[in-house]
């Protein structure tokens, strides 16, 4: 493995690939991406690729507002088909406890210019005839929402980043992040040599570590989630995210 780099990115999924691409687009060429398995073998390859503007927190809505135009022009900018289908997201509110939160969300979406609308049970039935709506208080629908293929998007980012000089290494599990003088200094991969950052100008993001300390393996555990998307009332894609 290379011994030095200007930027080291840990994780070769769609997020790591996107960061590498956007850094090279800004002129940073010496970028090293380390992936412990195969590129896209983590959550990137295990989810349904849902993309929506309908979030309950304003920060997530604003992030989606920034992301959506990029995804809509992805093929033109990146040269890869993201398989983006804007089929809309329909939320059905059936419990009293969910009424107020969705009312607040509708008000926030309106304030932020999100083209989501409140629909009656009858309108929800018209949008998705196969759904049971006899217990529906109301629903929300946004036609700009949909889904894409995360793996296709990741491969597009990887191709463009590589063309601009970024290096992607598979089978390089990072086991240690070294810090010095209050800044991240380098990383060490399992069974490999350390990679040092050539320009240590930024402190590790929320590292919270004293100088010369190290970040050891701290595995993250997330619950398993099931996703199902449908077109014309028929299930189209189902995926598990662990």
C-alpha atoms as a PDB file:
ATOM      1  CA  UNK A   1       0.000   0.000   0.000  1.00  0.00           C
ATOM      2  CA  UNK A   2       1.149   3.558  -0.663  1.00  0.00           C
ATOM      3  CA  UNK A   3       2.983   5.156   2.239  1.00  0.00           C
ATOM      4  CA  UNK A   4       1.723   8.734   1.847  1.00  0.00           C
ATOM      5  CA  UNK A   5      -1.346  10.566   0.552  1.00  0.00           C
ATOM      6  CA  UNK A   6      -2.886  14.006   0.817  1.00  0.00           C
ATOM      7  CA  UNK A   7      -6.263  12.504   1.737  1.00  0.00           C
ATOM      8  CA  UNK A   8      -7.150   9.030   3.004  1.00  0.00           C
ATOM      9  CA  UNK A   9     -10.798   7.951   2.833  1.00  0.00           C
ATOM     10  CA  UNK A  10     -11.837   4.916   4.859  1.00  0.00           C
ATOM     11  CA  UNK A  11     -14.661   3.016   3.179  1.00  0.00           C
ATOM     12  CA  UNK A  12     -15.192   2.348  -0.516  1.00  0.00           C
ATOM     13  CA  UNK A  13     -18.958   2.560  -0.787  1.00  0.00           C
ATOM     14  CA  UNK A  14     -20.985   5.251  -2.510  1.00  0.00           C
ATOM     15  CA  UNK A  15     -20.121   7.840   0.169  1.00  0.00           C
ATOM     16  CA  UNK A  16     -16.374   7.224   0.007  1.00  0.00           C
ATOM     17  CA  UNK A  17     -16.456   7.159  -3.792  1.00  0.00           C
ATOM     18  CA  UNK A  18     -18.474  10.376  -3.909  1.00  0.00           C
ATOM     19  CA  UNK A  19     -16.042  12.122  -1.568  1.00  0.00           C
ATOM     20  CA  UNK A  20     -13.117  10.986  -3.720  1.00  0.00           C
ATOM     21  CA  UNK A  21     -14.811  12.224  -6.901  1.00  0.00           C
ATOM     22  CA  UNK A  22     -15.741  15.614  -5.485  1.00  0.00           C
ATOM     23  CA  UNK A  23     -12.255  16.117  -4.021  1.00  0.00           C
ATOM     24  CA  UNK A  24     -10.635  15.416  -7.389  1.00  0.00           C
ATOM     25  CA  UNK A  25     -13.160  17.749  -8.998  1.00  0.00           C
ATOM     26  CA  UNK A  26     -11.857  20.444  -6.633  1.00  0.00           C
ATOM     27  CA  UNK A  27      -8.278  19.716  -7.704  1.00  0.00           C
ATOM     28  CA  UNK A  28      -7.135  17.288  -4.991  1.00  0.00           C
ATOM     29  CA  UNK A  29      -5.430  14.482  -6.922  1.00  0.00           C
ATOM     30  CA  UNK A  30      -3.553  12.458  -4.291  1.00  0.00           C
ATOM     31  CA  UNK A  31      -6.578  10.699  -2.794  1.00  0.00           C
ATOM     32  CA  UNK A  32      -6.384   7.178  -1.366  1.00  0.00           C
ATOM     33  CA  UNK A  33      -9.584   5.195  -0.689  1.00  0.00           C
ATOM     34  CA  UNK A  34      -9.249   2.096   1.494  1.00  0.00           C
ATOM     35  CA  UNK A  35     -11.998  -0.554   1.468  1.00  0.00           C
ATOM     36  CA  UNK A  36     -11.840  -3.564   3.784  1.00  0.00           C
ATOM     37  CA  UNK A  37     -13.702  -5.848   1.343  1.00  0.00           C
ATOM     38  CA  UNK A  38     -14.848  -5.119  -2.199  1.00  0.00           C
ATOM     39  CA  UNK A  39     -16.005  -1.705  -3.378  1.00  0.00           C
ATOM     40  CA  UNK A  40     -19.698  -1.347  -2.610  1.00  0.00           C
ATOM     41  CA  UNK A  41     -19.896  -4.554  -0.579  1.00  0.00           C
ATOM     42  CA  UNK A  42     -21.314  -2.820   2.505  1.00  0.00           C
ATOM     43  CA  UNK A  43     -24.643  -1.013   2.804  1.00  0.00           C
ATOM     44  CA  UNK A  44     -24.256   0.415  -0.725  1.00  0.00           C
ATOM     45  CA  UNK A  45     -24.986  -3.008  -2.186  1.00  0.00           C
ATOM     46  CA  UNK A  46     -27.643  -3.960   0.369  1.00  0.00           C
ATOM     47  CA  UNK A  47     -30.270  -1.249   0.112  1.00  0.00           C
ATOM     48  CA  UNK A  48     -33.093  -0.253  -2.221  1.00  0.00           C
ATOM     49  CA  UNK A  49     -31.642   3.176  -3.013  1.00  0.00           C
ATOM     50  CA  UNK A  50     -34.569   5.218  -1.742  1.00  0.00           C
ATOM     51  CA  UNK A  51     -34.269   8.951  -2.477  1.00  0.00           C
ATOM     52  CA  UNK A  52     -36.781  11.334  -0.946  1.00  0.00           C
ATOM     53  CA  UNK A  53     -37.467  14.872   0.110  1.00  0.00           C
ATOM     54  CA  UNK A  54     -40.035  13.841   2.717  1.00  0.00           C
ATOM     55  CA  UNK A  55     -38.045  13.826   5.953  1.00  0.00           C
ATOM     56  CA  UNK A  56     -39.203  14.940   9.374  1.00  0.00           C
ATOM     57  CA  UNK A  57     -36.004  16.848  10.216  1.00  0.00           C
ATOM     58  CA  UNK A  58     -35.171  20.068   8.375  1.00  0.00           C
ATOM     59  CA  UNK A  59     -31.469  19.246   8.033  1.00  0.00           C
ATOM     60  CA  UNK A  60     -32.270  16.002   6.183  1.00  0.00           C
ATOM     61  CA  UNK A  61     -34.727  17.809   3.927  1.00  0.00           C
ATOM     62  CA  UNK A  62     -32.133  20.450   3.072  1.00  0.00           C
ATOM     63  CA  UNK A  63     -29.499  17.779   2.388  1.00  0.00           C
ATOM     64  CA  UNK A  64     -31.908  16.067  -0.003  1.00  0.00           C
ATOM     65  CA  UNK A  65     -32.646  19.386  -1.681  1.00  0.00           C
ATOM     66  CA  UNK A  66     -28.924  19.773  -2.323  1.00  0.00           C
ATOM     67  CA  UNK A  67     -28.538  16.172  -3.508  1.00  0.00           C
ATOM     68  CA  UNK A  68     -31.578  15.735  -5.728  1.00  0.00           C
ATOM     69  CA  UNK A  69     -30.516  18.054  -8.585  1.00  0.00           C
ATOM     70  CA  UNK A  70     -27.157  16.282  -8.739  1.00  0.00           C
ATOM     71  CA  UNK A  71     -28.860  12.887  -8.974  1.00  0.00           C
ATOM     72  CA  UNK A  72     -31.251  14.164 -11.642  1.00  0.00           C
ATOM     73  CA  UNK A  73     -28.300  15.253 -13.837  1.00  0.00           C
ATOM     74  CA  UNK A  74     -26.061  12.364 -12.770  1.00  0.00           C
ATOM     75  CA  UNK A  75     -25.878  10.719 -16.180  1.00  0.00           C
ATOM     76  CA  UNK A  76     -24.830  13.973 -17.876  1.00  0.00           C
ATOM     77  CA  UNK A  77     -22.237  14.904 -15.241  1.00  0.00           C
ATOM     78  CA  UNK A  78     -20.799  11.488 -14.357  1.00  0.00           C
ATOM     79  CA  UNK A  79     -21.466   9.578 -17.559  1.00  0.00           C
ATOM     80  CA  UNK A  80     -23.203   6.665 -15.814  1.00  0.00           C
ATOM     81  CA  UNK A  81     -26.888   5.795 -15.643  1.00  0.00           C
ATOM     82  CA  UNK A  82     -28.086   5.966 -11.990  1.00  0.00           C
ATOM     83  CA  UNK A  83     -31.347   4.209 -12.927  1.00  0.00           C
ATOM     84  CA  UNK A  84     -33.232   6.929 -11.106  1.00  0.00           C
ATOM     85  CA  UNK A  85     -37.009   6.430 -11.135  1.00  0.00           C
ATOM     86  CA  UNK A  86     -39.054   9.271  -9.648  1.00  0.00           C
ATOM     87  CA  UNK A  87     -42.151   7.216  -8.898  1.00  0.00           C
ATOM     88  CA  UNK A  88     -43.027   9.171  -5.752  1.00  0.00           C
ATOM     89  CA  UNK A  89     -43.254   8.287  -2.076  1.00  0.00           C
ATOM     90  CA  UNK A  90     -46.673   7.807  -0.493  1.00  0.00           C
ATOM     91  CA  UNK A  91     -46.934   7.839   3.301  1.00  0.00           C
ATOM     92  CA  UNK A  92     -50.183   6.625   4.874  1.00  0.00           C
ATOM     93  CA  UNK A  93     -51.070   7.899   8.351  1.00  0.00           C
ATOM     94  CA  UNK A  94     -53.252   5.419  10.239  1.00  0.00           C
ATOM     95  CA  UNK A  95     -52.457   6.152  13.892  1.00  0.00           C
ATOM     96  CA  UNK A  96     -53.545   9.181  15.901  1.00  0.00           C
ATOM     97  CA  UNK A  97     -50.036   9.558  17.309  1.00  0.00           C
ATOM     98  CA  UNK A  98     -48.655  10.176  13.793  1.00  0.00           C
ATOM     99  CA  UNK A  99     -51.118  12.906  12.813  1.00  0.00           C
ATOM    100  CA  UNK A 100     -49.415  15.842  14.556  1.00  0.00           C
ATOM    101  CA  UNK A 101     -45.849  14.931  13.457  1.00  0.00           C
ATOM    102  CA  UNK A 102     -46.932  14.682   9.815  1.00  0.00           C
ATOM    103  CA  UNK A 103     -48.873  17.932  10.083  1.00  0.00           C
ATOM    104  CA  UNK A 104     -45.676  19.590  11.306  1.00  0.00           C
ATOM    105  CA  UNK A 105     -43.741  17.989   8.478  1.00  0.00           C
ATOM    106  CA  UNK A 106     -46.227  19.234   5.888  1.00  0.00           C
ATOM    107  CA  UNK A 107     -45.853  22.773   7.241  1.00  0.00           C
ATOM    108  CA  UNK A 108     -42.059  22.505   7.126  1.00  0.00           C
ATOM    109  CA  UNK A 109     -42.065  21.065   3.600  1.00  0.00           C
ATOM    110  CA  UNK A 110     -44.270  23.920   2.438  1.00  0.00           C
ATOM    111  CA  UNK A 111     -41.911  26.453   4.011  1.00  0.00           C
ATOM    112  CA  UNK A 112     -38.907  24.840   2.282  1.00  0.00           C
ATOM    113  CA  UNK A 113     -40.615  24.589  -1.096  1.00  0.00           C
ATOM    114  CA  UNK A 114     -40.936  20.798  -1.142  1.00  0.00           C
ATOM    115  CA  UNK A 115     -43.616  19.697  -3.648  1.00  0.00           C
ATOM    116  CA  UNK A 116     -45.190  17.268  -1.176  1.00  0.00           C
ATOM    117  CA  UNK A 117     -48.937  17.384  -0.665  1.00  0.00           C
ATOM    118  CA  UNK A 118     -51.518  16.081   1.738  1.00  0.00           C
ATOM    119  CA  UNK A 119     -53.847  13.482   0.196  1.00  0.00           C
ATOM    120  CA  UNK A 120     -57.113  12.014   1.389  1.00  0.00           C
ATOM    121  CA  UNK A 121     -57.661   8.281   1.788  1.00  0.00           C
ATOM    122  CA  UNK A 122     -59.512   8.284  -1.540  1.00  0.00           C
ATOM    123  CA  UNK A 123     -56.657  10.092  -3.280  1.00  0.00           C
ATOM    124  CA  UNK A 124     -54.163   7.653  -1.766  1.00  0.00           C
ATOM    125  CA  UNK A 125     -56.273   4.789  -3.108  1.00  0.00           C
ATOM    126  CA  UNK A 126     -56.217   6.357  -6.559  1.00  0.00           C
ATOM    127  CA  UNK A 127     -52.423   6.684  -6.397  1.00  0.00           C
ATOM    128  CA  UNK A 128     -51.965   3.091  -5.249  1.00  0.00           C
ATOM    129  CA  UNK A 129     -55.128   1.037  -5.835  1.00  0.00           C
ATOM    130  CA  UNK A 130     -53.716  -2.096  -4.197  1.00  0.00           C
ATOM    131  CA  UNK A 131     -53.313  -0.363  -0.823  1.00  0.00           C
ATOM    132  CA  UNK A 132     -55.843  -0.772   1.962  1.00  0.00           C
ATOM    133  CA  UNK A 133     -57.019   2.704   2.917  1.00  0.00           C
ATOM    134  CA  UNK A 134     -60.134   2.176   5.041  1.00  0.00           C
ATOM    135  CA  UNK A 135     -58.178   3.087   8.203  1.00  0.00           C
ATOM    136  CA  UNK A 136     -56.163   5.945   6.658  1.00  0.00           C
ATOM    137  CA  UNK A 137     -56.555   9.383   8.261  1.00  0.00           C
ATOM    138  CA  UNK A 138     -54.659  11.048   5.434  1.00  0.00           C
ATOM    139  CA  UNK A 139     -51.457  10.602   3.474  1.00  0.00           C
ATOM    140  CA  UNK A 140     -48.577  12.592   2.048  1.00  0.00           C
ATOM    141  CA  UNK A 141     -47.183  12.233  -1.450  1.00  0.00           C
ATOM    142  CA  UNK A 142     -44.197  13.733  -3.260  1.00  0.00           C
ATOM    143  CA  UNK A 143     -43.733  12.925  -6.943  1.00  0.00           C
ATOM    144  CA  UNK A 144     -40.060  13.980  -6.852  1.00  0.00           C
ATOM    145  CA  UNK A 145     -39.187  11.056  -4.558  1.00  0.00           C
ATOM    146  CA  UNK A 146     -38.115   7.707  -5.922  1.00  0.00           C
ATOM    147  CA  UNK A 147     -35.218   5.300  -6.036  1.00  0.00           C
ATOM    148  CA  UNK A 148     -31.929   4.775  -7.870  1.00  0.00           C
ATOM    149  CA  UNK A 149     -29.267   2.093  -8.070  1.00  0.00           C
ATOM    150  CA  UNK A 150     -26.533   2.873  -5.513  1.00  0.00           C
ATOM    151  CA  UNK A 151     -24.036   0.474  -7.096  1.00  0.00           C
ATOM    152  CA  UNK A 152     -24.341   2.119 -10.521  1.00  0.00           C
ATOM    153  CA  UNK A 153     -23.848   5.528  -8.936  1.00  0.00           C
ATOM    154  CA  UNK A 154     -20.846   4.316  -6.936  1.00  0.00           C
ATOM    155  CA  UNK A 155     -19.225   2.806 -10.028  1.00  0.00           C
ATOM    156  CA  UNK A 156     -19.679   6.105 -11.829  1.00  0.00           C
ATOM    157  CA  UNK A 157     -17.985   8.032  -9.022  1.00  0.00           C
ATOM    158  CA  UNK A 158     -15.134   5.498  -8.871  1.00  0.00           C
ATOM    159  CA  UNK A 159     -14.509   5.703 -12.624  1.00  0.00           C
ATOM    160  CA  UNK A 160     -14.386   9.503 -12.675  1.00  0.00           C
ATOM    161  CA  UNK A 161     -12.261   9.713  -9.511  1.00  0.00           C
ATOM    162  CA  UNK A 162      -9.753   7.189 -10.882  1.00  0.00           C
ATOM    163  CA  UNK A 163      -9.486   9.135 -14.124  1.00  0.00           C
ATOM    164  CA  UNK A 164      -8.587  12.197 -12.038  1.00  0.00           C
ATOM    165  CA  UNK A 165      -5.862  10.385 -10.085  1.00  0.00           C
ATOM    166  CA  UNK A 166      -7.566   8.848  -7.038  1.00  0.00           C
ATOM    167  CA  UNK A 167      -6.485   5.367  -5.935  1.00  0.00           C
ATOM    168  CA  UNK A 168      -8.899   2.723  -4.630  1.00  0.00           C
ATOM    169  CA  UNK A 169      -7.549  -0.254  -2.689  1.00  0.00           C
ATOM    170  CA  UNK A 170      -9.739  -3.262  -1.884  1.00  0.00           C
ATOM    171  CA  UNK A 171      -9.040  -5.733   0.917  1.00  0.00           C
ATOM    172  CA  UNK A 172      -7.459  -2.982   3.038  1.00  0.00           C
ATOM    173  CA  UNK A 173      -9.218  -3.027   6.405  1.00  0.00           C
ATOM    174  CA  UNK A 174      -8.239   0.020   8.452  1.00  0.00           C
ATOM    175  CA  UNK A 175      -7.548  -0.987  12.039  1.00  0.00           C
ATOM    176  CA  UNK A 176      -5.920   2.149  13.384  1.00  0.00           C
ATOM    177  CA  UNK A 177      -6.078   5.902  12.920  1.00  0.00           C
ATOM    178  CA  UNK A 178      -3.080   7.713  14.388  1.00  0.00           C
ATOM    179  CA  UNK A 179      -3.230  11.258  15.723  1.00  0.00           C
ATOM    180  CA  UNK A 180      -0.462  13.678  16.539  1.00  0.00           C
ATOM    181  CA  UNK A 181      -0.483  17.288  17.709  1.00  0.00           C
ATOM    182  CA  UNK A 182      -4.262  17.274  17.756  1.00  0.00           C
ATOM    183  CA  UNK A 183      -4.555  16.152  14.125  1.00  0.00           C
ATOM    184  CA  UNK A 184      -5.054  12.914  12.257  1.00  0.00           C
ATOM    185  CA  UNK A 185      -1.618  11.777  11.082  1.00  0.00           C
ATOM    186  CA  UNK A 186      -2.251   8.514   9.252  1.00  0.00           C
ATOM    187  CA  UNK A 187      -3.915   5.113   9.174  1.00  0.00           C
ATOM    188  CA  UNK A 188      -2.798   1.510   9.390  1.00  0.00           C
ATOM    189  CA  UNK A 189      -4.527  -1.336   7.584  1.00  0.00           C
ATOM    190  CA  UNK A 190      -4.762  -4.929   8.721  1.00  0.00           C
ATOM    191  CA  UNK A 191      -1.524  -6.672   7.818  1.00  0.00           C
ATOM    192  CA  UNK A 192      -0.305  -3.631   5.900  1.00  0.00           C
ATOM    193  CA  UNK A 193       2.068  -0.732   6.260  1.00  0.00           C
ATOM    194  CA  UNK A 194       0.881   2.599   7.653  1.00  0.00           C
ATOM    195  CA  UNK A 195      -0.245   5.327   5.274  1.00  0.00           C
ATOM    196  CA  UNK A 196       0.705   8.824   6.414  1.00  0.00           C
ATOM    197  CA  UNK A 197      -1.089  12.021   5.511  1.00  0.00           C
ATOM    198  CA  UNK A 198       1.306  14.348   3.705  1.00  0.00           C
ATOM    199  CA  UNK A 199      -0.535  17.529   4.720  1.00  0.00           C
ATOM    200  CA  UNK A 200      -1.923  17.359   8.238  1.00  0.00           C
ATOM    201  CA  UNK A 201      -3.895  20.558   8.257  1.00  0.00           C
ATOM    202  CA  UNK A 202      -7.183  19.420   9.766  1.00  0.00           C
ATOM    203  CA  UNK A 203      -8.172  17.826  13.028  1.00  0.00           C
ATOM    204  CA  UNK A 204     -10.015  14.532  12.871  1.00  0.00           C
ATOM    205  CA  UNK A 205     -13.746  15.151  12.620  1.00  0.00           C
ATOM    206  CA  UNK A 206     -15.108  15.033  16.158  1.00  0.00           C
ATOM    207  CA  UNK A 207     -12.187  12.789  17.011  1.00  0.00           C
ATOM    208  CA  UNK A 208     -12.288  13.755  20.670  1.00  0.00           C
ATOM    209  CA  UNK A 209      -8.863  12.229  21.239  1.00  0.00           C
ATOM    210  CA  UNK A 210      -5.797  13.680  22.947  1.00  0.00           C
ATOM    211  CA  UNK A 211      -2.663  14.177  20.877  1.00  0.00           C
ATOM    212  CA  UNK A 212      -0.846  10.964  19.926  1.00  0.00           C
ATOM    213  CA  UNK A 213      -3.848   8.845  20.857  1.00  0.00           C
ATOM    214  CA  UNK A 214      -5.284   6.252  18.478  1.00  0.00           C
ATOM    215  CA  UNK A 215      -8.691   5.143  17.315  1.00  0.00           C
ATOM    216  CA  UNK A 216      -9.025   1.368  17.563  1.00  0.00           C
ATOM    217  CA  UNK A 217     -11.655  -0.882  16.009  1.00  0.00           C
ATOM    218  CA  UNK A 218     -15.109   0.035  17.280  1.00  0.00           C
ATOM    219  CA  UNK A 219     -17.654  -1.905  15.220  1.00  0.00           C
ATOM    220  CA  UNK A 220     -20.971  -0.193  14.492  1.00  0.00           C
ATOM    221  CA  UNK A 221     -24.141  -2.241  14.761  1.00  0.00           C
ATOM    222  CA  UNK A 222     -27.349  -1.213  13.034  1.00  0.00           C
ATOM    223  CA  UNK A 223     -30.729  -2.966  12.928  1.00  0.00           C
ATOM    224  CA  UNK A 224     -31.751  -4.881   9.840  1.00  0.00           C
ATOM    225  CA  UNK A 225     -34.274  -2.974   7.734  1.00  0.00           C
ATOM    226  CA  UNK A 226     -36.439  -4.350   4.934  1.00  0.00           C
ATOM    227  CA  UNK A 227     -37.276  -2.206   1.913  1.00  0.00           C
ATOM    228  CA  UNK A 228     -39.790  -2.935  -0.807  1.00  0.00           C
ATOM    229  CA  UNK A 229     -40.544  -0.774  -3.828  1.00  0.00           C
ATOM    230  CA  UNK A 230     -43.460  -1.279  -6.173  1.00  0.00           C
ATOM    231  CA  UNK A 231     -44.532  -0.199  -9.612  1.00  0.00           C
ATOM    232  CA  UNK A 232     -48.106  -0.503 -10.833  1.00  0.00           C
ATOM    233  CA  UNK A 233     -48.982  -2.186  -7.564  1.00  0.00           C
ATOM    234  CA  UNK A 234     -46.491  -5.005  -7.977  1.00  0.00           C
ATOM    235  CA  UNK A 235     -43.375  -5.440  -5.791  1.00  0.00           C
ATOM    236  CA  UNK A 236     -40.359  -4.535  -7.869  1.00  0.00           C
ATOM    237  CA  UNK A 237     -37.323  -4.552  -5.598  1.00  0.00           C
ATOM    238  CA  UNK A 238     -36.712  -5.780  -2.088  1.00  0.00           C
ATOM    239  CA  UNK A 239     -33.458  -5.465  -0.233  1.00  0.00           C
ATOM    240  CA  UNK A 240     -32.066  -5.822   3.257  1.00  0.00           C
ATOM    241  CA  UNK A 241     -29.855  -3.248   4.938  1.00  0.00           C
ATOM    242  CA  UNK A 242     -27.879  -4.454   7.892  1.00  0.00           C
END
